[in-house]
Amino acid sequence: MSNKKNHVVVTGTGRAGTTFLIELFTHFGLDTGFTPDTLVDNSYQHANAGLEYQIGSDFCPYIAKDPSFCDYAEEIFAREDLFIEHIFIPIRDINSVAASRRHNEKEHIKRMSFKEKLCFITKPYLIPGGLLGTHSHTKGVQEAILIEKLFGLLLQVSQYHIPVTFIQFPYMMSHPEYLYQKLSPIVSHIPLADFIAIFRKIAQENLIHTY
């Protein structure tokens, strides 16, 4: 009998529907570490972000989202007490992803008090839905970092026999049948009609911005 802890990972560049997937899984009663009633309290509404766990942490649920997974994936793959069943990677045009991150960081800074801005300038930190690996707003910088991070993850996972599913965003937000097929490894027990009903209840296409 295996003592390994199984996980399904939702990751990628972020800003591509990963938070929505966790909301969807939660409403289906799957183990995401959240309930429908606790989703709002654990998300960042201004940035449509949050609902994250570090993969492999003590309290990490069965299904976990972490856009930073690429930074420590090799360590997780090498652990004998963990088994990664599947990795779902929503994919979005990289320019839109980077623009979304720059936008969220700028908007977050605008809401800061003068003292908070001074602290951020002195010691920058990760802003929910904001820039990753940089605080430069120069076009092209964030894009390059995200491409490098994603390629690094794909290179690492290619060494193992771990199923990976790519899901196109924003296409997935208006095509529930498509998303159902993509998520079939963990939602096939849910009737399609039920899936579509929940999908239409929580999908908010109006939150998708064009940059």
N, C-alpha and C. Protein backbone atom coordinates (compact mmCIF):
# COMPACT_ATOMS: atom_id res chain seq x y z
N MET A 1 0.85 -1.20 0.00
CA MET A 1 0.00 0.00 0.00
C MET A 1 0.88 1.25 0.00
N SER A 2 0.62 2.18 -0.91
CA SER A 2 1.44 3.37 -1.04
C SER A 2 1.06 4.41 0.02
N ASN A 3 2.09 5.05 0.58
CA ASN A 3 1.87 6.12 1.54
C ASN A 3 2.02 7.49 0.89
N LYS A 4 2.12 7.50 -0.43
CA LYS A 4 2.29 8.76 -1.13
C LYS A 4 1.02 9.60 -1.10
N LYS A 5 1.21 10.91 -1.06
CA LYS A 5 0.09 11.84 -1.10
C LYS A 5 -0.10 12.31 -2.54
N ASN A 6 -1.28 12.10 -3.07
CA ASN A 6 -1.56 12.44 -4.47
C ASN A 6 -2.01 13.90 -4.62
N HIS A 7 -1.58 14.49 -5.74
CA HIS A 7 -1.99 15.87 -6.02
C HIS A 7 -2.27 16.06 -7.50
N VAL A 8 -3.22 16.94 -7.77
CA VAL A 8 -3.46 17.46 -9.11
C VAL A 8 -3.05 18.92 -9.05
N VAL A 9 -2.23 19.36 -10.00
CA VAL A 9 -1.67 20.71 -9.96
C VAL A 9 -2.28 21.58 -11.07
N VAL A 10 -2.68 22.78 -10.69
CA VAL A 10 -3.13 23.80 -11.65
C VAL A 10 -2.07 24.90 -11.64
N THR A 11 -1.42 25.13 -12.77
CA THR A 11 -0.32 26.08 -12.78
C THR A 11 -0.17 26.71 -14.15
N GLY A 12 0.96 27.37 -14.37
CA GLY A 12 1.21 28.04 -15.64
C GLY A 12 1.67 29.46 -15.40
N THR A 13 1.38 30.34 -16.32
CA THR A 13 1.78 31.74 -16.20
C THR A 13 0.87 32.53 -15.28
N GLY A 14 -0.30 31.98 -14.96
CA GLY A 14 -1.30 32.74 -14.23
C GLY A 14 -2.01 33.71 -15.15
N ARG A 15 -3.03 34.40 -14.64
CA ARG A 15 -3.84 35.34 -15.42
C ARG A 15 -4.48 34.67 -16.62
N ALA A 16 -4.82 33.38 -16.44
CA ALA A 16 -5.36 32.61 -17.56
C ALA A 16 -6.46 31.66 -17.12
N GLY A 17 -7.18 32.02 -16.07
CA GLY A 17 -8.30 31.21 -15.64
C GLY A 17 -8.01 30.17 -14.58
N THR A 18 -6.83 30.22 -13.97
CA THR A 18 -6.50 29.23 -12.95
C THR A 18 -7.39 29.37 -11.72
N THR A 19 -7.68 30.60 -11.33
CA THR A 19 -8.55 30.82 -10.17
C THR A 19 -9.96 30.30 -10.47
N PHE A 20 -10.43 30.53 -11.67
CA PHE A 20 -11.75 30.03 -12.07
C PHE A 20 -11.81 28.51 -11.97
N LEU A 21 -10.75 27.82 -12.38
CA LEU A 21 -10.75 26.36 -12.31
C LEU A 21 -10.88 25.88 -10.87
N ILE A 22 -10.19 26.54 -9.94
CA ILE A 22 -10.30 26.16 -8.53
C ILE A 22 -11.72 26.41 -8.03
N GLU A 23 -12.31 27.51 -8.44
CA GLU A 23 -13.70 27.79 -8.06
C GLU A 23 -14.62 26.70 -8.60
N LEU A 24 -14.40 26.31 -9.83
CA LEU A 24 -15.22 25.29 -10.48
C LEU A 24 -15.09 23.96 -9.75
N PHE A 25 -13.86 23.53 -9.49
CA PHE A 25 -13.63 22.27 -8.79
C PHE A 25 -14.26 22.29 -7.40
N THR A 26 -14.18 23.45 -6.75
CA THR A 26 -14.74 23.58 -5.40
C THR A 26 -16.25 23.40 -5.42
N HIS A 27 -16.91 23.99 -6.39
CA HIS A 27 -18.37 23.87 -6.50
C HIS A 27 -18.80 22.45 -6.84
N PHE A 28 -17.90 21.66 -7.38
CA PHE A 28 -18.20 20.25 -7.66
C PHE A 28 -17.92 19.36 -6.46
N GLY A 29 -17.44 19.96 -5.37
CA GLY A 29 -17.18 19.21 -4.16
C GLY A 29 -15.84 18.50 -4.14
N LEU A 30 -14.96 18.85 -5.08
CA LEU A 30 -13.63 18.24 -5.10
C LEU A 30 -12.75 18.91 -4.04
N ASP A 31 -11.73 18.20 -3.60
CA ASP A 31 -10.87 18.70 -2.52
C ASP A 31 -9.88 19.74 -3.03
N THR A 32 -10.23 21.01 -2.81
CA THR A 32 -9.36 22.13 -3.20
C THR A 32 -8.86 22.90 -1.98
N GLY A 33 -9.31 22.47 -0.80
CA GLY A 33 -8.96 23.19 0.41
C GLY A 33 -9.95 24.30 0.73
N PHE A 34 -10.95 24.46 -0.13
CA PHE A 34 -11.95 25.51 0.05
C PHE A 34 -13.35 24.93 -0.07
N THR A 35 -14.33 25.71 0.34
CA THR A 35 -15.74 25.38 0.13
C THR A 35 -16.34 26.56 -0.63
N PRO A 36 -17.51 26.38 -1.24
CA PRO A 36 -18.12 27.52 -1.94
C PRO A 36 -18.27 28.75 -1.05
N ASP A 37 -18.47 28.53 0.25
CA ASP A 37 -18.66 29.65 1.17
C ASP A 37 -17.36 30.36 1.55
N THR A 38 -16.22 29.70 1.36
CA THR A 38 -14.94 30.32 1.76
C THR A 38 -14.14 30.84 0.58
N LEU A 39 -14.66 30.69 -0.63
CA LEU A 39 -13.92 31.13 -1.82
C LEU A 39 -13.63 32.63 -1.80
N VAL A 40 -14.65 33.43 -1.50
CA VAL A 40 -14.48 34.89 -1.54
C VAL A 40 -13.46 35.35 -0.52
N ASP A 41 -13.52 34.80 0.69
CA ASP A 41 -12.60 35.22 1.75
C ASP A 41 -11.16 34.86 1.46
N ASN A 42 -10.94 33.91 0.57
CA ASN A 42 -9.58 33.46 0.27
C ASN A 42 -9.08 33.90 -1.10
N SER A 43 -9.80 34.82 -1.72
CA SER A 43 -9.38 35.32 -3.03
C SER A 43 -9.22 36.83 -2.98
N TYR A 44 -8.52 37.35 -3.96
CA TYR A 44 -8.30 38.79 -4.07
C TYR A 44 -9.21 39.31 -5.18
N GLN A 45 -10.35 39.87 -4.77
CA GLN A 45 -11.38 40.25 -5.73
C GLN A 45 -10.91 41.31 -6.72
N HIS A 46 -10.07 42.24 -6.27
CA HIS A 46 -9.60 43.30 -7.17
C HIS A 46 -8.80 42.73 -8.33
N ALA A 47 -8.10 41.61 -8.06
CA ALA A 47 -7.21 41.05 -9.08
C ALA A 47 -7.70 39.73 -9.65
N ASN A 48 -8.85 39.25 -9.15
CA ASN A 48 -9.34 37.93 -9.58
C ASN A 48 -8.23 36.89 -9.41
N ALA A 49 -7.65 36.86 -8.22
CA ALA A 49 -6.51 35.99 -7.94
C ALA A 49 -6.70 35.34 -6.56
N GLY A 50 -5.73 34.51 -6.19
CA GLY A 50 -5.77 33.85 -4.89
C GLY A 50 -6.10 32.38 -5.00
N LEU A 51 -6.60 31.81 -3.90
CA LEU A 51 -6.97 30.39 -3.83
C LEU A 51 -5.77 29.48 -4.12
N GLU A 52 -4.63 29.83 -3.58
CA GLU A 52 -3.40 29.10 -3.86
C GLU A 52 -2.88 28.31 -2.66
N TYR A 53 -2.19 27.25 -2.96
CA TYR A 53 -1.47 26.45 -1.96
C TYR A 53 -0.10 26.11 -2.54
N GLN A 54 0.89 26.01 -1.68
CA GLN A 54 2.19 25.53 -2.13
C GLN A 54 2.12 24.02 -2.22
N ILE A 55 2.42 23.48 -3.38
CA ILE A 55 2.36 22.03 -3.59
C ILE A 55 3.35 21.35 -2.66
N GLY A 56 2.88 20.32 -1.96
CA GLY A 56 3.76 19.58 -1.07
C GLY A 56 3.79 20.08 0.35
N SER A 57 3.13 21.21 0.62
CA SER A 57 3.08 21.72 1.99
C SER A 57 2.17 20.82 2.83
N ASP A 58 2.28 20.93 4.13
CA ASP A 58 1.56 20.03 5.03
C ASP A 58 0.05 20.03 4.81
N PHE A 59 -0.52 21.17 4.52
CA PHE A 59 -1.97 21.27 4.40
C PHE A 59 -2.44 21.39 2.95
N CYS A 60 -1.57 21.07 2.02
CA CYS A 60 -1.94 21.16 0.61
C CYS A 60 -3.04 20.16 0.27
N PRO A 61 -4.14 20.60 -0.33
CA PRO A 61 -5.23 19.70 -0.69
C PRO A 61 -4.90 18.86 -1.92
N TYR A 62 -5.82 17.99 -2.28
CA TYR A 62 -5.64 17.11 -3.44
C TYR A 62 -5.43 17.91 -4.72
N ILE A 63 -6.29 18.90 -4.96
CA ILE A 63 -6.17 19.78 -6.13
C ILE A 63 -5.66 21.13 -5.65
N ALA A 64 -4.54 21.57 -6.20
CA ALA A 64 -3.96 22.83 -5.73
C ALA A 64 -3.46 23.68 -6.89
N LYS A 65 -3.66 24.96 -6.74
CA LYS A 65 -3.19 25.94 -7.73
C LYS A 65 -1.98 26.68 -7.19
N ASP A 66 -0.95 26.79 -8.02
CA ASP A 66 0.21 27.60 -7.66
C ASP A 66 0.96 28.02 -8.92
N PRO A 67 0.82 29.30 -9.33
CA PRO A 67 1.54 29.78 -10.51
C PRO A 67 3.06 29.72 -10.33
N SER A 68 3.52 29.65 -9.08
CA SER A 68 4.96 29.59 -8.81
C SER A 68 5.49 28.16 -8.79
N PHE A 69 4.66 27.20 -9.12
CA PHE A 69 5.07 25.79 -9.09
C PHE A 69 6.31 25.54 -9.93
N CYS A 70 6.45 26.28 -11.04
CA CYS A 70 7.60 26.09 -11.93
C CYS A 70 8.92 26.35 -11.22
N ASP A 71 8.89 27.14 -10.15
CA ASP A 71 10.13 27.48 -9.44
C ASP A 71 10.63 26.36 -8.55
N TYR A 72 9.76 25.40 -8.21
CA TYR A 72 10.19 24.32 -7.32
C TYR A 72 9.67 22.95 -7.76
N ALA A 73 9.23 22.86 -9.00
CA ALA A 73 8.65 21.62 -9.51
C ALA A 73 9.61 20.44 -9.42
N GLU A 74 10.86 20.66 -9.77
CA GLU A 74 11.84 19.56 -9.76
C GLU A 74 11.96 18.95 -8.38
N GLU A 75 11.92 19.80 -7.37
CA GLU A 75 11.98 19.32 -5.98
C GLU A 75 10.78 18.44 -5.66
N ILE A 76 9.60 18.84 -6.13
CA ILE A 76 8.38 18.06 -5.89
C ILE A 76 8.42 16.74 -6.64
N PHE A 77 8.85 16.76 -7.89
CA PHE A 77 8.92 15.54 -8.69
C PHE A 77 9.87 14.51 -8.07
N ALA A 78 10.88 15.00 -7.37
CA ALA A 78 11.88 14.10 -6.78
C ALA A 78 11.47 13.53 -5.43
N ARG A 79 10.43 14.08 -4.83
CA ARG A 79 10.01 13.60 -3.51
C ARG A 79 9.31 12.26 -3.61
N GLU A 80 9.70 11.35 -2.74
CA GLU A 80 9.13 10.00 -2.76
C GLU A 80 7.81 9.90 -2.02
N ASP A 81 7.45 10.95 -1.27
CA ASP A 81 6.20 10.92 -0.51
C ASP A 81 5.06 11.60 -1.26
N LEU A 82 5.34 12.07 -2.49
CA LEU A 82 4.31 12.75 -3.28
C LEU A 82 4.15 12.09 -4.64
N PHE A 83 2.92 12.14 -5.15
CA PHE A 83 2.66 11.63 -6.50
C PHE A 83 1.80 12.65 -7.22
N ILE A 84 2.32 13.23 -8.28
CA ILE A 84 1.57 14.20 -9.07
C ILE A 84 0.78 13.45 -10.13
N GLU A 85 -0.53 13.41 -9.96
CA GLU A 85 -1.40 12.66 -10.87
C GLU A 85 -1.56 13.34 -12.22
N HIS A 86 -1.67 14.66 -12.18
CA HIS A 86 -1.98 15.39 -13.41
C HIS A 86 -1.61 16.85 -13.22
N ILE A 87 -1.24 17.51 -14.31
CA ILE A 87 -0.96 18.94 -14.29
C ILE A 87 -1.82 19.61 -15.36
N PHE A 88 -2.62 20.59 -14.92
CA PHE A 88 -3.44 21.37 -15.85
C PHE A 88 -2.79 22.75 -16.02
N ILE A 89 -2.56 23.14 -17.27
CA ILE A 89 -1.91 24.41 -17.56
C ILE A 89 -2.77 25.24 -18.52
N PRO A 90 -3.56 26.17 -17.99
CA PRO A 90 -4.28 27.09 -18.87
C PRO A 90 -3.29 27.99 -19.61
N ILE A 91 -3.49 28.15 -20.90
CA ILE A 91 -2.57 28.91 -21.74
C ILE A 91 -3.28 30.14 -22.33
N ARG A 92 -2.60 31.28 -22.24
CA ARG A 92 -3.13 32.53 -22.79
C ARG A 92 -2.02 33.24 -23.56
N ASP A 93 -2.40 34.05 -24.50
CA ASP A 93 -1.42 34.87 -25.22
C ASP A 93 -0.50 35.56 -24.21
N ILE A 94 0.82 35.37 -24.37
CA ILE A 94 1.77 35.83 -23.36
C ILE A 94 1.76 37.34 -23.19
N ASN A 95 1.47 38.07 -24.25
CA ASN A 95 1.41 39.53 -24.15
C ASN A 95 0.24 39.97 -23.27
N SER A 96 -0.88 39.24 -23.37
CA SER A 96 -2.04 39.56 -22.55
C SER A 96 -1.79 39.21 -21.09
N VAL A 97 -1.10 38.09 -20.86
CA VAL A 97 -0.77 37.69 -19.48
C VAL A 97 0.10 38.76 -18.83
N ALA A 98 1.16 39.16 -19.52
CA ALA A 98 2.07 40.16 -18.97
C ALA A 98 1.38 41.50 -18.77
N ALA A 99 0.55 41.89 -19.72
CA ALA A 99 -0.19 43.16 -19.59
C ALA A 99 -1.13 43.12 -18.40
N SER A 100 -1.76 41.97 -18.17
CA SER A 100 -2.66 41.80 -17.03
C SER A 100 -1.89 41.94 -15.72
N ARG A 101 -0.71 41.36 -15.67
CA ARG A 101 0.10 41.44 -14.45
C ARG A 101 0.58 42.88 -14.21
N ARG A 102 0.98 43.56 -15.26
CA ARG A 102 1.39 44.96 -15.11
C ARG A 102 0.22 45.82 -14.64
N HIS A 103 -0.96 45.57 -15.22
CA HIS A 103 -2.16 46.33 -14.86
C HIS A 103 -2.51 46.11 -13.39
N ASN A 104 -2.52 44.86 -12.94
CA ASN A 104 -2.88 44.57 -11.56
C ASN A 104 -1.90 45.19 -10.58
N GLU A 105 -0.62 45.15 -10.93
CA GLU A 105 0.38 45.74 -10.03
C GLU A 105 0.18 47.26 -9.93
N LYS A 106 -0.04 47.91 -11.05
CA LYS A 106 -0.26 49.36 -11.05
C LYS A 106 -1.50 49.74 -10.25
N GLU A 107 -2.59 48.99 -10.45
CA GLU A 107 -3.83 49.29 -9.75
C GLU A 107 -3.69 49.06 -8.25
N HIS A 108 -2.96 48.02 -7.87
CA HIS A 108 -2.74 47.73 -6.45
C HIS A 108 -1.94 48.87 -5.81
N ILE A 109 -0.91 49.33 -6.49
CA ILE A 109 -0.08 50.41 -5.96
C ILE A 109 -0.89 51.69 -5.82
N LYS A 110 -1.81 51.94 -6.76
CA LYS A 110 -2.66 53.13 -6.68
C LYS A 110 -3.50 53.14 -5.41
N ARG A 111 -3.90 51.96 -4.94
CA ARG A 111 -4.75 51.87 -3.75
C ARG A 111 -3.95 51.95 -2.45
N MET A 112 -2.62 51.93 -2.55
CA MET A 112 -1.78 51.99 -1.35
C MET A 112 -1.79 53.39 -0.74
N SER A 113 -1.60 53.43 0.58
CA SER A 113 -1.39 54.71 1.24
C SER A 113 0.04 55.18 0.94
N PHE A 114 0.34 56.42 1.26
CA PHE A 114 1.69 56.94 1.01
C PHE A 114 2.73 56.10 1.76
N LYS A 115 2.43 55.74 2.99
CA LYS A 115 3.36 54.94 3.80
C LYS A 115 3.56 53.56 3.18
N GLU A 116 2.47 52.97 2.70
CA GLU A 116 2.56 51.64 2.07
C GLU A 116 3.40 51.70 0.80
N LYS A 117 3.26 52.79 0.06
CA LYS A 117 4.05 52.94 -1.17
C LYS A 117 5.54 53.06 -0.86
N LEU A 118 5.87 53.79 0.20
CA LEU A 118 7.26 53.92 0.61
C LEU A 118 7.84 52.56 1.00
N CYS A 119 7.05 51.79 1.73
CA CYS A 119 7.50 50.45 2.14
C CYS A 119 7.71 49.55 0.93
N PHE A 120 6.80 49.65 -0.04
CA PHE A 120 6.90 48.82 -1.24
C PHE A 120 8.12 49.20 -2.07
N ILE A 121 8.39 50.51 -2.18
CA ILE A 121 9.56 50.97 -2.93
C ILE A 121 10.84 50.50 -2.26
N THR A 122 10.85 50.54 -0.92
CA THR A 122 12.03 50.13 -0.16
C THR A 122 12.25 48.63 -0.23
N LYS A 123 11.16 47.89 -0.10
CA LYS A 123 11.25 46.43 -0.11
C LYS A 123 10.08 45.86 -0.91
N PRO A 124 10.22 45.78 -2.23
CA PRO A 124 9.13 45.27 -3.08
C PRO A 124 8.74 43.84 -2.72
N TYR A 125 7.48 43.53 -2.87
CA TYR A 125 6.99 42.19 -2.56
C TYR A 125 6.01 41.76 -3.65
N LEU A 126 5.65 40.49 -3.63
CA LEU A 126 4.74 39.94 -4.64
C LEU A 126 3.32 40.43 -4.39
N ILE A 127 2.75 41.06 -5.38
CA ILE A 127 1.38 41.56 -5.32
C ILE A 127 0.46 40.54 -5.98
N PRO A 128 -0.68 40.20 -5.34
CA PRO A 128 -1.60 39.22 -5.93
C PRO A 128 -1.99 39.60 -7.36
N GLY A 129 -1.70 38.69 -8.29
CA GLY A 129 -2.02 38.96 -9.69
C GLY A 129 -1.07 39.92 -10.36
N GLY A 130 -0.02 40.33 -9.62
CA GLY A 130 0.93 41.30 -10.15
C GLY A 130 2.12 40.64 -10.83
N LEU A 131 3.18 41.40 -10.99
CA LEU A 131 4.36 40.94 -11.72
C LEU A 131 5.08 39.81 -10.99
N LEU A 132 5.63 38.88 -11.76
CA LEU A 132 6.39 37.75 -11.22
C LEU A 132 7.85 37.86 -11.63
N GLY A 133 8.74 37.75 -10.64
CA GLY A 133 10.17 37.74 -10.94
C GLY A 133 10.74 39.07 -11.35
N THR A 134 9.96 40.12 -11.27
CA THR A 134 10.40 41.47 -11.64
C THR A 134 9.38 42.48 -11.13
N HIS A 135 9.81 43.72 -11.06
CA HIS A 135 8.85 44.81 -10.81
C HIS A 135 8.98 45.85 -11.90
N SER A 136 9.61 45.45 -13.00
CA SER A 136 9.75 46.33 -14.16
C SER A 136 8.46 46.33 -14.99
N HIS A 137 7.99 47.50 -15.32
CA HIS A 137 6.79 47.64 -16.15
C HIS A 137 7.14 47.82 -17.63
N THR A 138 8.41 47.68 -17.95
CA THR A 138 8.84 47.79 -19.34
C THR A 138 8.31 46.61 -20.15
N LYS A 139 7.63 46.90 -21.23
CA LYS A 139 7.07 45.83 -22.05
C LYS A 139 8.17 44.91 -22.56
N GLY A 140 7.94 43.63 -22.41
CA GLY A 140 8.90 42.63 -22.85
C GLY A 140 9.63 41.95 -21.71
N VAL A 141 9.79 42.65 -20.59
CA VAL A 141 10.51 42.07 -19.45
C VAL A 141 9.71 40.94 -18.80
N GLN A 142 8.46 41.23 -18.43
CA GLN A 142 7.63 40.20 -17.82
C GLN A 142 7.36 39.07 -18.80
N GLU A 143 7.14 39.39 -20.05
CA GLU A 143 6.90 38.37 -21.07
C GLU A 143 8.04 37.35 -21.11
N ALA A 144 9.26 37.84 -21.13
CA ALA A 144 10.44 36.97 -21.21
C ALA A 144 10.57 36.08 -19.98
N ILE A 145 10.30 36.64 -18.82
CA ILE A 145 10.40 35.88 -17.57
C ILE A 145 9.37 34.76 -17.54
N LEU A 146 8.14 35.08 -17.93
CA LEU A 146 7.07 34.08 -17.91
C LEU A 146 7.34 32.95 -18.90
N ILE A 147 7.83 33.29 -20.09
CA ILE A 147 8.16 32.27 -21.08
C ILE A 147 9.25 31.35 -20.55
N GLU A 148 10.26 31.93 -19.93
CA GLU A 148 11.36 31.14 -19.37
C GLU A 148 10.87 30.21 -18.26
N LYS A 149 10.00 30.73 -17.39
CA LYS A 149 9.47 29.92 -16.30
C LYS A 149 8.63 28.76 -16.83
N LEU A 150 7.77 29.04 -17.79
CA LEU A 150 6.90 27.99 -18.33
C LEU A 150 7.72 26.94 -19.07
N PHE A 151 8.68 27.38 -19.87
CA PHE A 151 9.52 26.42 -20.58
C PHE A 151 10.30 25.56 -19.60
N GLY A 152 10.77 26.17 -18.52
CA GLY A 152 11.50 25.42 -17.50
C GLY A 152 10.65 24.33 -16.90
N LEU A 153 9.38 24.64 -16.64
CA LEU A 153 8.46 23.63 -16.09
C LEU A 153 8.26 22.49 -17.08
N LEU A 154 8.04 22.83 -18.34
CA LEU A 154 7.81 21.81 -19.36
C LEU A 154 9.04 20.92 -19.53
N LEU A 155 10.21 21.51 -19.45
CA LEU A 155 11.45 20.74 -19.55
C LEU A 155 11.57 19.76 -18.39
N GLN A 156 11.23 20.22 -17.20
CA GLN A 156 11.31 19.36 -16.02
C GLN A 156 10.30 18.22 -16.08
N VAL A 157 9.05 18.56 -16.42
CA VAL A 157 8.00 17.55 -16.41
C VAL A 157 8.19 16.52 -17.52
N SER A 158 8.89 16.89 -18.59
CA SER A 158 9.11 15.96 -19.71
C SER A 158 9.97 14.77 -19.31
N GLN A 159 10.65 14.90 -18.19
CA GLN A 159 11.50 13.80 -17.71
C GLN A 159 10.67 12.71 -17.03
N TYR A 160 9.43 13.05 -16.68
CA TYR A 160 8.58 12.13 -15.91
C TYR A 160 7.34 11.73 -16.71
N HIS A 161 6.68 10.70 -16.24
CA HIS A 161 5.45 10.23 -16.90
C HIS A 161 4.24 10.85 -16.20
N ILE A 162 4.16 12.16 -16.27
CA ILE A 162 3.07 12.90 -15.64
C ILE A 162 2.18 13.49 -16.73
N PRO A 163 0.91 13.14 -16.74
CA PRO A 163 0.00 13.70 -17.76
C PRO A 163 -0.13 15.22 -17.61
N VAL A 164 -0.05 15.91 -18.72
CA VAL A 164 -0.19 17.37 -18.74
C VAL A 164 -1.28 17.75 -19.74
N THR A 165 -2.20 18.60 -19.30
CA THR A 165 -3.27 19.07 -20.18
C THR A 165 -3.20 20.58 -20.31
N PHE A 166 -3.13 21.06 -21.56
CA PHE A 166 -3.15 22.49 -21.83
C PHE A 166 -4.58 22.91 -22.16
N ILE A 167 -5.00 24.05 -21.61
CA ILE A 167 -6.36 24.55 -21.80
C ILE A 167 -6.27 25.99 -22.29
N GLN A 168 -6.90 26.29 -23.42
CA GLN A 168 -6.78 27.63 -23.97
C GLN A 168 -7.74 28.62 -23.31
N PHE A 169 -7.17 29.72 -22.85
CA PHE A 169 -7.92 30.83 -22.26
C PHE A 169 -7.78 32.03 -23.19
N PRO A 170 -8.86 32.76 -23.46
CA PRO A 170 -10.18 32.72 -22.82
C PRO A 170 -11.19 31.78 -23.46
N TYR A 171 -10.78 31.00 -24.45
CA TYR A 171 -11.71 30.10 -25.14
C TYR A 171 -12.49 29.24 -24.15
N MET A 172 -11.82 28.78 -23.12
CA MET A 172 -12.46 27.87 -22.17
C MET A 172 -13.61 28.53 -21.40
N MET A 173 -13.61 29.87 -21.34
CA MET A 173 -14.61 30.57 -20.57
C MET A 173 -15.96 30.68 -21.28
N SER A 174 -15.99 30.35 -22.56
CA SER A 174 -17.24 30.43 -23.31
C SER A 174 -17.60 29.10 -23.98
N HIS A 175 -16.84 28.06 -23.68
CA HIS A 175 -17.08 26.75 -24.28
C HIS A 175 -17.01 25.66 -23.21
N PRO A 176 -18.10 25.50 -22.44
CA PRO A 176 -18.10 24.53 -21.35
C PRO A 176 -17.87 23.09 -21.79
N GLU A 177 -18.38 22.72 -22.97
CA GLU A 177 -18.17 21.35 -23.44
C GLU A 177 -16.68 21.08 -23.68
N TYR A 178 -16.01 22.06 -24.24
CA TYR A 178 -14.57 21.98 -24.47
C TYR A 178 -13.84 21.81 -23.14
N LEU A 179 -14.20 22.63 -22.16
CA LEU A 179 -13.53 22.57 -20.86
C LEU A 179 -13.81 21.25 -20.16
N TYR A 180 -15.02 20.75 -20.30
CA TYR A 180 -15.38 19.46 -19.70
C TYR A 180 -14.47 18.35 -20.22
N GLN A 181 -14.25 18.34 -21.52
CA GLN A 181 -13.37 17.32 -22.11
C GLN A 181 -11.94 17.49 -21.62
N LYS A 182 -11.49 18.72 -21.52
CA LYS A 182 -10.13 18.97 -21.05
C LYS A 182 -9.93 18.52 -19.60
N LEU A 183 -10.97 18.71 -18.80
CA LEU A 183 -10.88 18.36 -17.37
C LEU A 183 -11.34 16.94 -17.08
N SER A 184 -11.64 16.18 -18.12
CA SER A 184 -12.21 14.84 -17.94
C SER A 184 -11.40 13.91 -17.03
N PRO A 185 -10.08 14.05 -16.93
CA PRO A 185 -9.34 13.17 -16.02
C PRO A 185 -9.83 13.23 -14.58
N ILE A 186 -10.44 14.36 -14.18
CA ILE A 186 -10.91 14.44 -12.79
C ILE A 186 -12.39 14.80 -12.66
N VAL A 187 -13.08 15.07 -13.77
CA VAL A 187 -14.51 15.41 -13.66
C VAL A 187 -15.41 14.47 -14.46
N SER A 188 -14.86 13.40 -14.99
CA SER A 188 -15.66 12.51 -15.84
C SER A 188 -16.82 11.86 -15.08
N HIS A 189 -16.74 11.83 -13.75
CA HIS A 189 -17.83 11.25 -12.95
C HIS A 189 -19.01 12.21 -12.82
N ILE A 190 -18.81 13.45 -13.25
CA ILE A 190 -19.86 14.46 -13.18
C ILE A 190 -20.60 14.51 -14.51
N PRO A 191 -21.92 14.37 -14.53
CA PRO A 191 -22.66 14.45 -15.79
C PRO A 191 -22.42 15.78 -16.49
N LEU A 192 -22.32 15.75 -17.81
CA LEU A 192 -22.05 16.97 -18.57
C LEU A 192 -23.07 18.06 -18.27
N ALA A 193 -24.35 17.68 -18.17
CA ALA A 193 -25.39 18.67 -17.91
C ALA A 193 -25.16 19.39 -16.58
N ASP A 194 -24.73 18.64 -15.56
CA ASP A 194 -24.44 19.24 -14.26
C ASP A 194 -23.22 20.15 -14.35
N PHE A 195 -22.24 19.71 -15.10
CA PHE A 195 -21.03 20.51 -15.28
C PHE A 195 -21.37 21.85 -15.92
N ILE A 196 -22.16 21.81 -16.98
CA ILE A 196 -22.52 23.03 -17.70
C ILE A 196 -23.34 23.97 -16.80
N ALA A 197 -24.22 23.39 -16.00
CA ALA A 197 -25.06 24.21 -15.11
C ALA A 197 -24.20 24.99 -14.12
N ILE A 198 -23.23 24.31 -13.49
CA ILE A 198 -22.35 24.98 -12.54
C ILE A 198 -21.44 25.97 -13.26
N PHE A 199 -20.94 25.57 -14.42
CA PHE A 199 -20.09 26.44 -15.23
C PHE A 199 -20.80 27.76 -15.50
N ARG A 200 -22.04 27.70 -15.98
CA ARG A 200 -22.77 28.91 -16.33
C ARG A 200 -23.10 29.75 -15.10
N LYS A 201 -23.16 29.11 -13.96
CA LYS A 201 -23.47 29.81 -12.72
C LYS A 201 -22.31 30.69 -12.26
N ILE A 202 -21.08 30.21 -12.47
CA ILE A 202 -19.93 30.94 -11.91
C ILE A 202 -19.02 31.61 -12.93
N ALA A 203 -19.12 31.23 -14.21
CA ALA A 203 -18.26 31.84 -15.23
C ALA A 203 -18.64 33.31 -15.41
N GLN A 204 -17.64 34.18 -15.41
CA GLN A 204 -17.88 35.61 -15.59
C GLN A 204 -16.99 36.14 -16.71
N GLU A 205 -17.49 36.04 -17.92
CA GLU A 205 -16.71 36.49 -19.08
C GLU A 205 -16.43 37.99 -19.04
N ASN A 206 -17.26 38.73 -18.32
CA ASN A 206 -17.07 40.18 -18.25
C ASN A 206 -15.80 40.57 -17.50
N LEU A 207 -15.22 39.61 -16.77
CA LEU A 207 -13.98 39.89 -16.04
C LEU A 207 -12.74 39.72 -16.91
N ILE A 208 -12.93 39.21 -18.12
CA ILE A 208 -11.79 39.01 -19.03
C ILE A 208 -11.50 40.33 -19.75
N HIS A 209 -10.28 40.81 -19.59
CA HIS A 209 -9.90 42.08 -20.19
C HIS A 209 -9.07 41.86 -21.45
N THR A 210 -9.25 42.74 -22.40
CA THR A 210 -8.44 42.72 -23.62
C THR A 210 -7.38 43.81 -23.51
N TYR A 211 -6.12 43.42 -23.73
CA TYR A 211 -5.02 44.38 -23.58
C TYR A 211 -4.37 44.66 -24.93
